[in-house]
PDB file of N, CA and C in Angstrom:
ATOM      1  N   MET A   1       0.828  -1.181   0.000  1.00  0.00           N
ATOM      2  CA  MET A   1       0.000   0.000   0.000  1.00  0.00           C
ATOM      3  C   MET A   1       0.875   1.248   0.000  1.00  0.00           C
ATOM      4  N   ILE A   2       1.942   1.236   0.755  1.00  0.00           N
ATOM      5  CA  ILE A   2       2.869   2.365   0.782  1.00  0.00           C
ATOM      6  C   ILE A   2       3.481   2.552  -0.602  1.00  0.00           C
ATOM      7  N   GLN A   3       3.752   1.450  -1.284  1.00  0.00           N
ATOM      8  CA  GLN A   3       4.338   1.523  -2.626  1.00  0.00           C
ATOM      9  C   GLN A   3       3.449   2.329  -3.564  1.00  0.00           C
ATOM     10  N   ILE A   4       2.151   2.137  -3.459  1.00  0.00           N
ATOM     11  CA  ILE A   4       1.213   2.836  -4.339  1.00  0.00           C
ATOM     12  C   ILE A   4       1.291   4.330  -4.093  1.00  0.00           C
ATOM     13  N   TYR A   5       1.336   4.719  -2.818  1.00  0.00           N
ATOM     14  CA  TYR A   5       1.354   6.128  -2.498  1.00  0.00           C
ATOM     15  C   TYR A   5       2.688   6.792  -2.856  1.00  0.00           C
ATOM     16  N   LYS A   6       3.754   6.010  -2.943  1.00  0.00           N
ATOM     17  CA  LYS A   6       5.043   6.596  -3.311  1.00  0.00           C
ATOM     18  C   LYS A   6       5.026   7.080  -4.761  1.00  0.00           C
ATOM     19  N   THR A   7       4.240   6.431  -5.599  1.00  0.00           N
ATOM     20  CA  THR A   7       4.188   6.830  -7.003  1.00  0.00           C
ATOM     21  C   THR A   7       3.281   8.026  -7.215  1.00  0.00           C
ATOM     22  N   MET A   8       2.448   8.353  -6.205  1.00  0.00           N
ATOM     23  CA  MET A   8       1.560   9.502  -6.307  1.00  0.00           C
ATOM     24  C   MET A   8       2.273  10.749  -5.807  1.00  0.00           C
ATOM     25  N   GLY A   9       1.767  11.863  -6.246  1.00  0.00           N
ATOM     26  CA  GLY A   9       2.241  13.116  -5.685  1.00  0.00           C
ATOM     27  C   GLY A   9       1.523  13.363  -4.366  1.00  0.00           C
ATOM     28  N   MET A  10       1.952  14.348  -3.639  1.00  0.00           N
ATOM     29  CA  MET A  10       1.332  14.672  -2.348  1.00  0.00           C
ATOM     30  C   MET A  10      -0.136  15.038  -2.525  1.00  0.00           C
ATOM     31  N   LYS A  11      -0.450  15.771  -3.592  1.00  0.00           N
ATOM     32  CA  LYS A  11      -1.823  16.204  -3.825  1.00  0.00           C
ATOM     33  C   LYS A  11      -2.733  14.990  -4.020  1.00  0.00           C
ATOM     34  N   GLU A  12      -2.308  14.043  -4.838  1.00  0.00           N
ATOM     35  CA  GLU A  12      -3.107  12.843  -5.088  1.00  0.00           C
ATOM     36  C   GLU A  12      -3.231  11.997  -3.819  1.00  0.00           C
ATOM     37  N   PHE A  13      -2.136  11.923  -3.070  1.00  0.00           N
ATOM     38  CA  PHE A  13      -2.147  11.155  -1.832  1.00  0.00           C
ATOM     39  C   PHE A  13      -3.208  11.681  -0.875  1.00  0.00           C
ATOM     40  N   PHE A  14      -3.209  12.980  -0.628  1.00  0.00           N
ATOM     41  CA  PHE A  14      -4.181  13.557   0.302  1.00  0.00           C
ATOM     42  C   PHE A  14      -5.596  13.504  -0.256  1.00  0.00           C
ATOM     43  N   LYS A  15      -5.713  13.675  -1.555  1.00  0.00           N
ATOM     44  CA  LYS A  15      -7.035  13.581  -2.181  1.00  0.00           C
ATOM     45  C   LYS A  15      -7.620  12.185  -1.953  1.00  0.00           C
ATOM     46  N   LYS A  16      -6.812  11.160  -2.156  1.00  0.00           N
ATOM     47  CA  LYS A  16      -7.257   9.778  -1.953  1.00  0.00           C
ATOM     48  C   LYS A  16      -7.543   9.519  -0.478  1.00  0.00           C
ATOM     49  N   ALA A  17      -6.670  10.002   0.391  1.00  0.00           N
ATOM     50  CA  ALA A  17      -6.846   9.778   1.830  1.00  0.00           C
ATOM     51  C   ALA A  17      -8.135  10.424   2.330  1.00  0.00           C
ATOM     52  N   PHE A  18      -8.393  11.665   1.929  1.00  0.00           N
ATOM     53  CA  PHE A  18      -9.613  12.338   2.374  1.00  0.00           C
ATOM     54  C   PHE A  18     -10.855  11.715   1.750  1.00  0.00           C
ATOM     55  N   SER A  19     -10.729  11.235   0.555  1.00  0.00           N
ATOM     56  CA  SER A  19     -11.848  10.539  -0.084  1.00  0.00           C
ATOM     57  C   SER A  19     -12.181   9.260   0.683  1.00  0.00           C
ATOM     58  N   ASP A  20     -11.151   8.514   1.071  1.00  0.00           N
ATOM     59  CA  ASP A  20     -11.360   7.291   1.856  1.00  0.00           C
ATOM     60  C   ASP A  20     -12.003   7.616   3.201  1.00  0.00           C
ATOM     61  N   MET A  21     -11.528   8.678   3.857  1.00  0.00           N
ATOM     62  CA  MET A  21     -12.088   9.058   5.160  1.00  0.00           C
ATOM     63  C   MET A  21     -13.553   9.464   5.017  1.00  0.00           C
ATOM     64  N   LYS A  22     -13.871  10.178   3.939  1.00  0.00           N
ATOM     65  CA  LYS A  22     -15.250  10.605   3.711  1.00  0.00           C
ATOM     66  C   LYS A  22     -16.152   9.394   3.515  1.00  0.00           C
ATOM     67  N   GLU A  23     -15.684   8.434   2.743  1.00  0.00           N
ATOM     68  CA  GLU A  23     -16.446   7.213   2.494  1.00  0.00           C
ATOM     69  C   GLU A  23     -16.660   6.428   3.787  1.00  0.00           C
ATOM     70  N   ASP A  24     -15.616   6.305   4.590  1.00  0.00           N
ATOM     71  CA  ASP A  24     -15.726   5.605   5.872  1.00  0.00           C
ATOM     72  C   ASP A  24     -16.679   6.327   6.830  1.00  0.00           C
ATOM     73  N   ALA A  25     -16.637   7.640   6.838  1.00  0.00           N
ATOM     74  CA  ALA A  25     -17.520   8.414   7.712  1.00  0.00           C
ATOM     75  C   ALA A  25     -18.984   8.214   7.325  1.00  0.00           C
ATOM     76  N   LYS A  26     -19.256   8.174   6.021  1.00  0.00           N
ATOM     77  CA  LYS A  26     -20.626   7.946   5.555  1.00  0.00           C
ATOM     78  C   LYS A  26     -21.108   6.553   5.969  1.00  0.00           C
ATOM     79  N   ALA A  27     -20.250   5.563   5.808  1.00  0.00           N
ATOM     80  CA  ALA A  27     -20.618   4.196   6.177  1.00  0.00           C
ATOM     81  C   ALA A  27     -20.859   4.099   7.686  1.00  0.00           C
ATOM     82  N   GLN A  28     -20.011   4.720   8.479  1.00  0.00           N
ATOM     83  CA  GLN A  28     -20.187   4.694   9.931  1.00  0.00           C
ATOM     84  C   GLN A  28     -21.460   5.420  10.335  1.00  0.00           C
ATOM     85  N   HIS A  29     -21.793   6.480   9.632  1.00  0.00           N
ATOM     86  CA  HIS A  29     -23.026   7.217   9.919  1.00  0.00           C
ATOM     87  C   HIS A  29     -24.244   6.326   9.697  1.00  0.00           C
ATOM     88  N   GLU A  30     -24.233   5.531   8.645  1.00  0.00           N
ATOM     89  CA  GLU A  30     -25.332   4.597   8.381  1.00  0.00           C
ATOM     90  C   GLU A  30     -25.442   3.567   9.503  1.00  0.00           C
ATOM     91  N   VAL A  31     -24.307   3.069   9.961  1.00  0.00           N
ATOM     92  CA  VAL A  31     -24.303   2.108  11.078  1.00  0.00           C
ATOM     93  C   VAL A  31     -24.879   2.768  12.331  1.00  0.00           C
ATOM     94  N   ASP A  32     -24.455   3.981  12.610  1.00  0.00           N
ATOM     95  CA  ASP A  32     -24.938   4.700  13.788  1.00  0.00           C
ATOM     96  C   ASP A  32     -26.448   4.947  13.709  1.00  0.00           C
ATOM     97  N   LYS A  33     -26.941   5.318  12.517  1.00  0.00           N
ATOM     98  CA  LYS A  33     -28.378   5.535  12.354  1.00  0.00           C
ATOM     99  C   LYS A  33     -29.153   4.249  12.601  1.00  0.00           C
ATOM    100  N   ALA A  34     -28.658   3.131  12.088  1.00  0.00           N
ATOM    101  CA  ALA A  34     -29.332   1.850  12.273  1.00  0.00           C
ATOM    102  C   ALA A  34     -29.335   1.449  13.749  1.00  0.00           C
ATOM    103  N   ASN A  35     -28.204   1.629  14.426  1.00  0.00           N
ATOM    104  CA  ASN A  35     -28.133   1.313  15.851  1.00  0.00           C
ATOM    105  C   ASN A  35     -29.066   2.199  16.669  1.00  0.00           C
ATOM    106  N   PHE A  36     -29.144   3.458  16.332  1.00  0.00           N
ATOM    107  CA  PHE A  36     -30.026   4.380  17.039  1.00  0.00           C
ATOM    108  C   PHE A  36     -31.479   3.963  16.866  1.00  0.00           C
ATOM    109  N   ALA A  37     -31.863   3.603  15.654  1.00  0.00           N
ATOM    110  CA  ALA A  37     -33.236   3.171  15.397  1.00  0.00           C
ATOM    111  C   ALA A  37     -33.569   1.902  16.179  1.00  0.00           C
ATOM    112  N   ALA A  38     -32.615   0.990  16.256  1.00  0.00           N
ATOM    113  CA  ALA A  38     -32.836  -0.255  17.003  1.00  0.00           C
ATOM    114  C   ALA A  38     -33.011   0.027  18.495  1.00  0.00           C
ATOM    115  N   VAL A  39     -32.165   0.870  19.053  1.00  0.00           N
ATOM    116  CA  VAL A  39     -32.260   1.201  20.476  1.00  0.00           C
ATOM    117  C   VAL A  39     -33.576   1.922  20.756  1.00  0.00           C
ATOM    118  N   LYS A  40     -33.959   2.796  19.867  1.00  0.00           N
ATOM    119  CA  LYS A  40     -35.213   3.533  20.030  1.00  0.00           C
ATOM    120  C   LYS A  40     -36.401   2.570  20.027  1.00  0.00           C
ATOM    121  N   ALA A  41     -36.413   1.615  19.113  1.00  0.00           N
ATOM    122  CA  ALA A  41     -37.499   0.637  19.045  1.00  0.00           C
ATOM    123  C   ALA A  41     -37.516  -0.253  20.282  1.00  0.00           C
ATOM    124  N   GLU A  42     -36.343  -0.683  20.737  1.00  0.00           N
ATOM    125  CA  GLU A  42     -36.272  -1.501  21.945  1.00  0.00           C
ATOM    126  C   GLU A  42     -36.783  -0.735  23.163  1.00  0.00           C
ATOM    127  N   SER A  43     -36.431   0.533  23.252  1.00  0.00           N
ATOM    128  CA  SER A  43     -36.879   1.364  24.359  1.00  0.00           C
ATOM    129  C   SER A  43     -38.395   1.504  24.354  1.00  0.00           C
ATOM    130  N   LYS A  44     -38.963   1.720  23.177  1.00  0.00           N
ATOM    131  CA  LYS A  44     -40.417   1.840  23.069  1.00  0.00           C
ATOM    132  C   LYS A  44     -41.087   0.521  23.442  1.00  0.00           C
ATOM    133  N   ALA A  45     -40.503  -0.595  23.021  1.00  0.00           N
ATOM    134  CA  ALA A  45     -41.068  -1.901  23.361  1.00  0.00           C
ATOM    135  C   ALA A  45     -41.057  -2.113  24.871  1.00  0.00           C
ATOM    136  N   GLN A  46     -39.962  -1.746  25.522  1.00  0.00           N
ATOM    137  CA  GLN A  46     -39.883  -1.889  26.977  1.00  0.00           C
ATOM    138  C   GLN A  46     -40.918  -1.002  27.661  1.00  0.00           C
ATOM    139  N   TRP A  47     -41.111   0.207  27.142  1.00  0.00           N
ATOM    140  CA  TRP A  47     -42.087   1.117  27.717  1.00  0.00           C
ATOM    141  C   TRP A  47     -43.494   0.542  27.579  1.00  0.00           C
ATOM    142  N   GLU A  48     -43.809   0.018  26.401  1.00  0.00           N
ATOM    143  CA  GLU A  48     -45.135  -0.562  26.182  1.00  0.00           C
ATOM    144  C   GLU A  48     -45.345  -1.796  27.059  1.00  0.00           C
ATOM    145  N   GLU A  49     -44.299  -2.591  27.223  1.00  0.00           N
ATOM    146  CA  GLU A  49     -44.402  -3.767  28.092  1.00  0.00           C
ATOM    147  C   GLU A  49     -44.622  -3.358  29.543  1.00  0.00           C
ATOM    148  N   ALA A  50     -44.001  -2.275  29.961  1.00  0.00           N
ATOM    149  CA  ALA A  50     -44.138  -1.820  31.336  1.00  0.00           C
ATOM    150  C   ALA A  50     -45.543  -1.308  31.628  1.00  0.00           C
ATOM    151  N   LYS A  51     -46.260  -0.884  30.615  1.00  0.00           N
ATOM    152  CA  LYS A  51     -47.609  -0.350  30.802  1.00  0.00           C
ATOM    153  C   LYS A  51     -48.672  -1.445  30.875  1.00  0.00           C
ATOM    154  N   ARG A  52     -48.300  -2.702  30.679  1.00  0.00           N
ATOM    155  CA  ARG A  52     -49.289  -3.781  30.703  1.00  0.00           C
ATOM    156  C   ARG A  52     -49.831  -4.003  32.114  1.00  0.00           C
ATOM    157  N   THR A  53     -51.027  -4.547  32.159  1.00  0.00           N
ATOM    158  CA  THR A  53     -51.625  -4.880  33.451  1.00  0.00           C
ATOM    159  C   THR A  53     -51.016  -6.184  33.953  1.00  0.00           C
ATOM    160  N   PRO A  54     -51.121  -6.447  35.254  1.00  0.00           N
ATOM    161  CA  PRO A  54     -50.579  -7.704  35.785  1.00  0.00           C
ATOM    162  C   PRO A  54     -51.197  -8.938  35.115  1.00  0.00           C
ATOM    163  N   GLU A  55     -52.459  -8.854  34.765  1.00  0.00           N
ATOM    164  CA  GLU A  55     -53.110  -9.984  34.095  1.00  0.00           C
ATOM    165  C   GLU A  55     -52.502 -10.223  32.709  1.00  0.00           C
ATOM    166  N   GLN A  56     -52.223  -9.155  31.990  1.00  0.00           N
ATOM    167  CA  GLN A  56     -51.585  -9.284  30.675  1.00  0.00           C
ATOM    168  C   GLN A  56     -50.183  -9.871  30.810  1.00  0.00           C
ATOM    169  N   VAL A  57     -49.467  -9.446  31.840  1.00  0.00           N
ATOM    170  CA  VAL A  57     -48.119  -9.963  32.075  1.00  0.00           C
ATOM    171  C   VAL A  57     -48.194 -11.457  32.366  1.00  0.00           C
ATOM    172  N   ARG A  58     -49.121 -11.843  33.224  1.00  0.00           N
ATOM    173  CA  ARG A  58     -49.288 -13.248  33.594  1.00  0.00           C
ATOM    174  C   ARG A  58     -49.660 -14.089  32.366  1.00  0.00           C
ATOM    175  N   THR A  59     -50.570 -13.584  31.552  1.00  0.00           N
ATOM    176  CA  THR A  59     -50.983 -14.298  30.344  1.00  0.00           C
ATOM    177  C   THR A  59     -49.817 -14.462  29.377  1.00  0.00           C
ATOM    178  N   ALA A  60     -49.051 -13.403  29.181  1.00  0.00           N
ATOM    179  CA  ALA A  60     -47.893 -13.474  28.287  1.00  0.00           C
ATOM    180  C   ALA A  60     -46.855 -14.444  28.813  1.00  0.00           C
ATOM    181  N   ARG A  61     -46.622 -14.417  30.129  1.00  0.00           N
ATOM    182  CA  ARG A  61     -45.647 -15.317  30.737  1.00  0.00           C
ATOM    183  C   ARG A  61     -46.088 -16.779  30.583  1.00  0.00           C
ATOM    184  N   ASN A  62     -47.378 -17.027  30.778  1.00  0.00           N
ATOM    185  CA  ASN A  62     -47.893 -18.384  30.618  1.00  0.00           C
ATOM    186  C   ASN A  62     -47.781 -18.865  29.177  1.00  0.00           C
ATOM    187  N   ALA A  63     -48.043 -17.985  28.230  1.00  0.00           N
ATOM    188  CA  ALA A  63     -47.921 -18.351  26.817  1.00  0.00           C
ATOM    189  C   ALA A  63     -46.468 -18.662  26.472  1.00  0.00           C
ATOM    190  N   GLU A  64     -45.552 -17.860  27.011  1.00  0.00           N
ATOM    191  CA  GLU A  64     -44.129 -18.098  26.768  1.00  0.00           C
ATOM    192  C   GLU A  64     -43.690 -19.439  27.357  1.00  0.00           C
ATOM    193  N   ARG A  65     -44.172 -19.733  28.549  1.00  0.00           N
ATOM    194  CA  ARG A  65     -43.846 -21.017  29.172  1.00  0.00           C
ATOM    195  C   ARG A  65     -44.390 -22.181  28.346  1.00  0.00           C
ATOM    196  N   ALA A  66     -45.629 -22.043  27.877  1.00  0.00           N
ATOM    197  CA  ALA A  66     -46.241 -23.110  27.075  1.00  0.00           C
ATOM    198  C   ALA A  66     -45.440 -23.350  25.798  1.00  0.00           C
ATOM    199  N   THR A  67     -44.976 -22.280  25.190  1.00  0.00           N
ATOM    200  CA  THR A  67     -44.162 -22.402  23.982  1.00  0.00           C
ATOM    201  C   THR A  67     -42.857 -23.129  24.286  1.00  0.00           C
ATOM    202  N   LYS A  68     -42.214 -22.761  25.380  1.00  0.00           N
ATOM    203  CA  LYS A  68     -40.951 -23.408  25.755  1.00  0.00           C
ATOM    204  C   LYS A  68     -41.157 -24.880  26.080  1.00  0.00           C
ATOM    205  N   ILE A  69     -42.260 -25.213  26.755  1.00  0.00           N
ATOM    206  CA  ILE A  69     -42.554 -26.608  27.074  1.00  0.00           C
ATOM    207  C   ILE A  69     -42.783 -27.407  25.798  1.00  0.00           C
ATOM    208  N   ALA A  70     -43.545 -26.840  24.868  1.00  0.00           N
ATOM    209  CA  ALA A  70     -43.816 -27.532  23.605  1.00  0.00           C
ATOM    210  C   ALA A  70     -42.521 -27.751  22.824  1.00  0.00           C
ATOM    211  N   GLU A  71     -41.663 -26.744  22.811  1.00  0.00           N
ATOM    212  CA  GLU A  71     -40.378 -26.874  22.112  1.00  0.00           C
ATOM    213  C   GLU A  71     -39.509 -27.954  22.754  1.00  0.00           C
ATOM    214  N   ALA A  72     -39.486 -27.989  24.074  1.00  0.00           N
ATOM    215  CA  ALA A  72     -38.678 -28.994  24.775  1.00  0.00           C
ATOM    216  C   ALA A  72     -39.212 -30.396  24.507  1.00  0.00           C
ATOM    217  N   ARG A  73     -40.526 -30.545  24.479  1.00  0.00           N
ATOM    218  CA  ARG A  73     -41.112 -31.856  24.191  1.00  0.00           C
ATOM    219  C   ARG A  73     -40.809 -32.290  22.763  1.00  0.00           C
ATOM    220  N   TRP A  74     -40.837 -31.331  21.835  1.00  0.00           N
ATOM    221  CA  TRP A  74     -40.516 -31.643  20.441  1.00  0.00           C
ATOM    222  C   TRP A  74     -39.054 -32.097  20.331  1.00  0.00           C
ATOM    223  N   ARG A  75     -38.153 -31.378  21.018  1.00  0.00           N
ATOM    224  CA  ARG A  75     -36.736 -31.756  20.995  1.00  0.00           C
ATOM    225  C   ARG A  75     -36.528 -33.132  21.605  1.00  0.00           C
ATOM    226  N   GLU A  76     -37.272 -33.423  22.668  1.00  0.00           N
ATOM    227  CA  GLU A  76     -37.168 -34.736  23.305  1.00  0.00           C
ATOM    228  C   GLU A  76     -37.622 -35.830  22.343  1.00  0.00           C
ATOM    229  N   ALA A  77     -38.724 -35.602  21.644  1.00  0.00           N
ATOM    230  CA  ALA A  77     -39.234 -36.593  20.684  1.00  0.00           C
ATOM    231  C   ALA A  77     -38.235 -36.808  19.550  1.00  0.00           C
ATOM    232  N   GLU A  78     -37.641 -35.723  19.064  1.00  0.00           N
ATOM    233  CA  GLU A  78     -36.626 -35.826  18.008  1.00  0.00           C
ATOM    234  C   GLU A  78     -35.430 -36.645  18.492  1.00  0.00           C
ATOM    235  N   ALA A  79     -35.001 -36.394  19.715  1.00  0.00           N
ATOM    236  CA  ALA A  79     -33.854 -37.127  20.266  1.00  0.00           C
ATOM    237  C   ALA A  79     -34.183 -38.607  20.418  1.00  0.00           C
ATOM    238  N   GLU A  80     -35.381 -38.914  20.856  1.00  0.00           N
ATOM    239  CA  GLU A  80     -35.778 -40.316  21.001  1.00  0.00           C
ATOM    240  C   GLU A  80     -35.814 -41.031  19.651  1.00  0.00           C
ATOM    241  N   GLU A  81     -36.271 -40.332  18.611  1.00  0.00           N
ATOM    242  CA  GLU A  81     -36.250 -40.909  17.258  1.00  0.00           C
ATOM    243  C   GLU A  81     -34.815 -41.190  16.817  1.00  0.00           C
ATOM    244  N   ARG A  82     -33.920 -40.274  17.117  1.00  0.00           N
ATOM    245  CA  ARG A  82     -32.514 -40.474  16.762  1.00  0.00           C
ATOM    246  C   ARG A  82     -31.920 -41.657  17.513  1.00  0.00           C
ATOM    247  N   ILE A  83     -32.306 -41.809  18.771  1.00  0.00           N
ATOM    248  CA  ILE A  83     -31.815 -42.941  19.566  1.00  0.00           C
ATOM    249  C   ILE A  83     -32.290 -44.259  18.954  1.00  0.00           C
ATOM    250  N   ILE A  84     -33.573 -44.301  18.608  1.00  0.00           N
ATOM    251  CA  ILE A  84     -34.140 -45.523  17.996  1.00  0.00           C
ATOM    252  C   ILE A  84     -33.434 -45.837  16.684  1.00  0.00           C
ATOM    253  N   ASP A  85     -33.227 -44.804  15.855  1.00  0.00           N
ATOM    254  CA  ASP A  85     -32.527 -45.000  14.568  1.00  0.00           C
ATOM    255  C   ASP A  85     -31.113 -45.510  14.795  1.00  0.00           C
ATOM    256  N   ALA A  86     -30.420 -44.923  15.766  1.00  0.00           N
ATOM    257  CA  ALA A  86     -29.046 -45.321  16.046  1.00  0.00           C
ATOM    258  C   ALA A  86     -28.987 -46.760  16.561  1.00  0.00           C
ATOM    259  N   GLN A  87     -29.923 -47.147  17.380  1.00  0.00           N
ATOM    260  CA  GLN A  87     -29.944 -48.508  17.919  1.00  0.00           C
ATOM    261  C   GLN A  87     -30.327 -49.526  16.848  1.00  0.00           C
ATOM    262  N   SER A  88     -31.194 -49.139  15.929  1.00  0.00           N
ATOM    263  CA  SER A  88     -31.598 -50.093  14.898  1.00  0.00           C
ATOM    264  C   SER A  88     -30.514 -50.260  13.823  1.00  0.00           C
ATOM    265  N   ASN A  89     -29.608 -49.320  13.696  1.00  0.00           N
ATOM    266  CA  ASN A  89     -28.539 -49.404  12.695  1.00  0.00           C
ATOM    267  C   ASN A  89     -27.273 -50.050  13.225  1.00  0.00           C
ATOM    268  N   MET A  90     -27.293 -50.523  14.444  1.00  0.00           N
ATOM    269  CA  MET A  90     -26.098 -51.158  15.019  1.00  0.00           C
ATOM    270  C   MET A  90     -25.913 -52.535  14.516  1.00  0.00           C
TER     271      MET A  90
END
């Protein structure tokens, strides 16, 4: 990389360097905007969740538990099928 800049004049070198910095700054700005939007949405979600009634919280928690139980049972059934397959192929 240094070799390339040695063949350039000082004017071209700085022109390229500032162009690269400008491009990097624009890309970082896009990243910052995306991160800001994500944090803003997460904050709003937390605020909306905090405004729920205790009954809504309980219902949501129960639904989440039911989903986790169903997933665990599905994983258990899959594992048992794999065990049967492995034992029958011995």
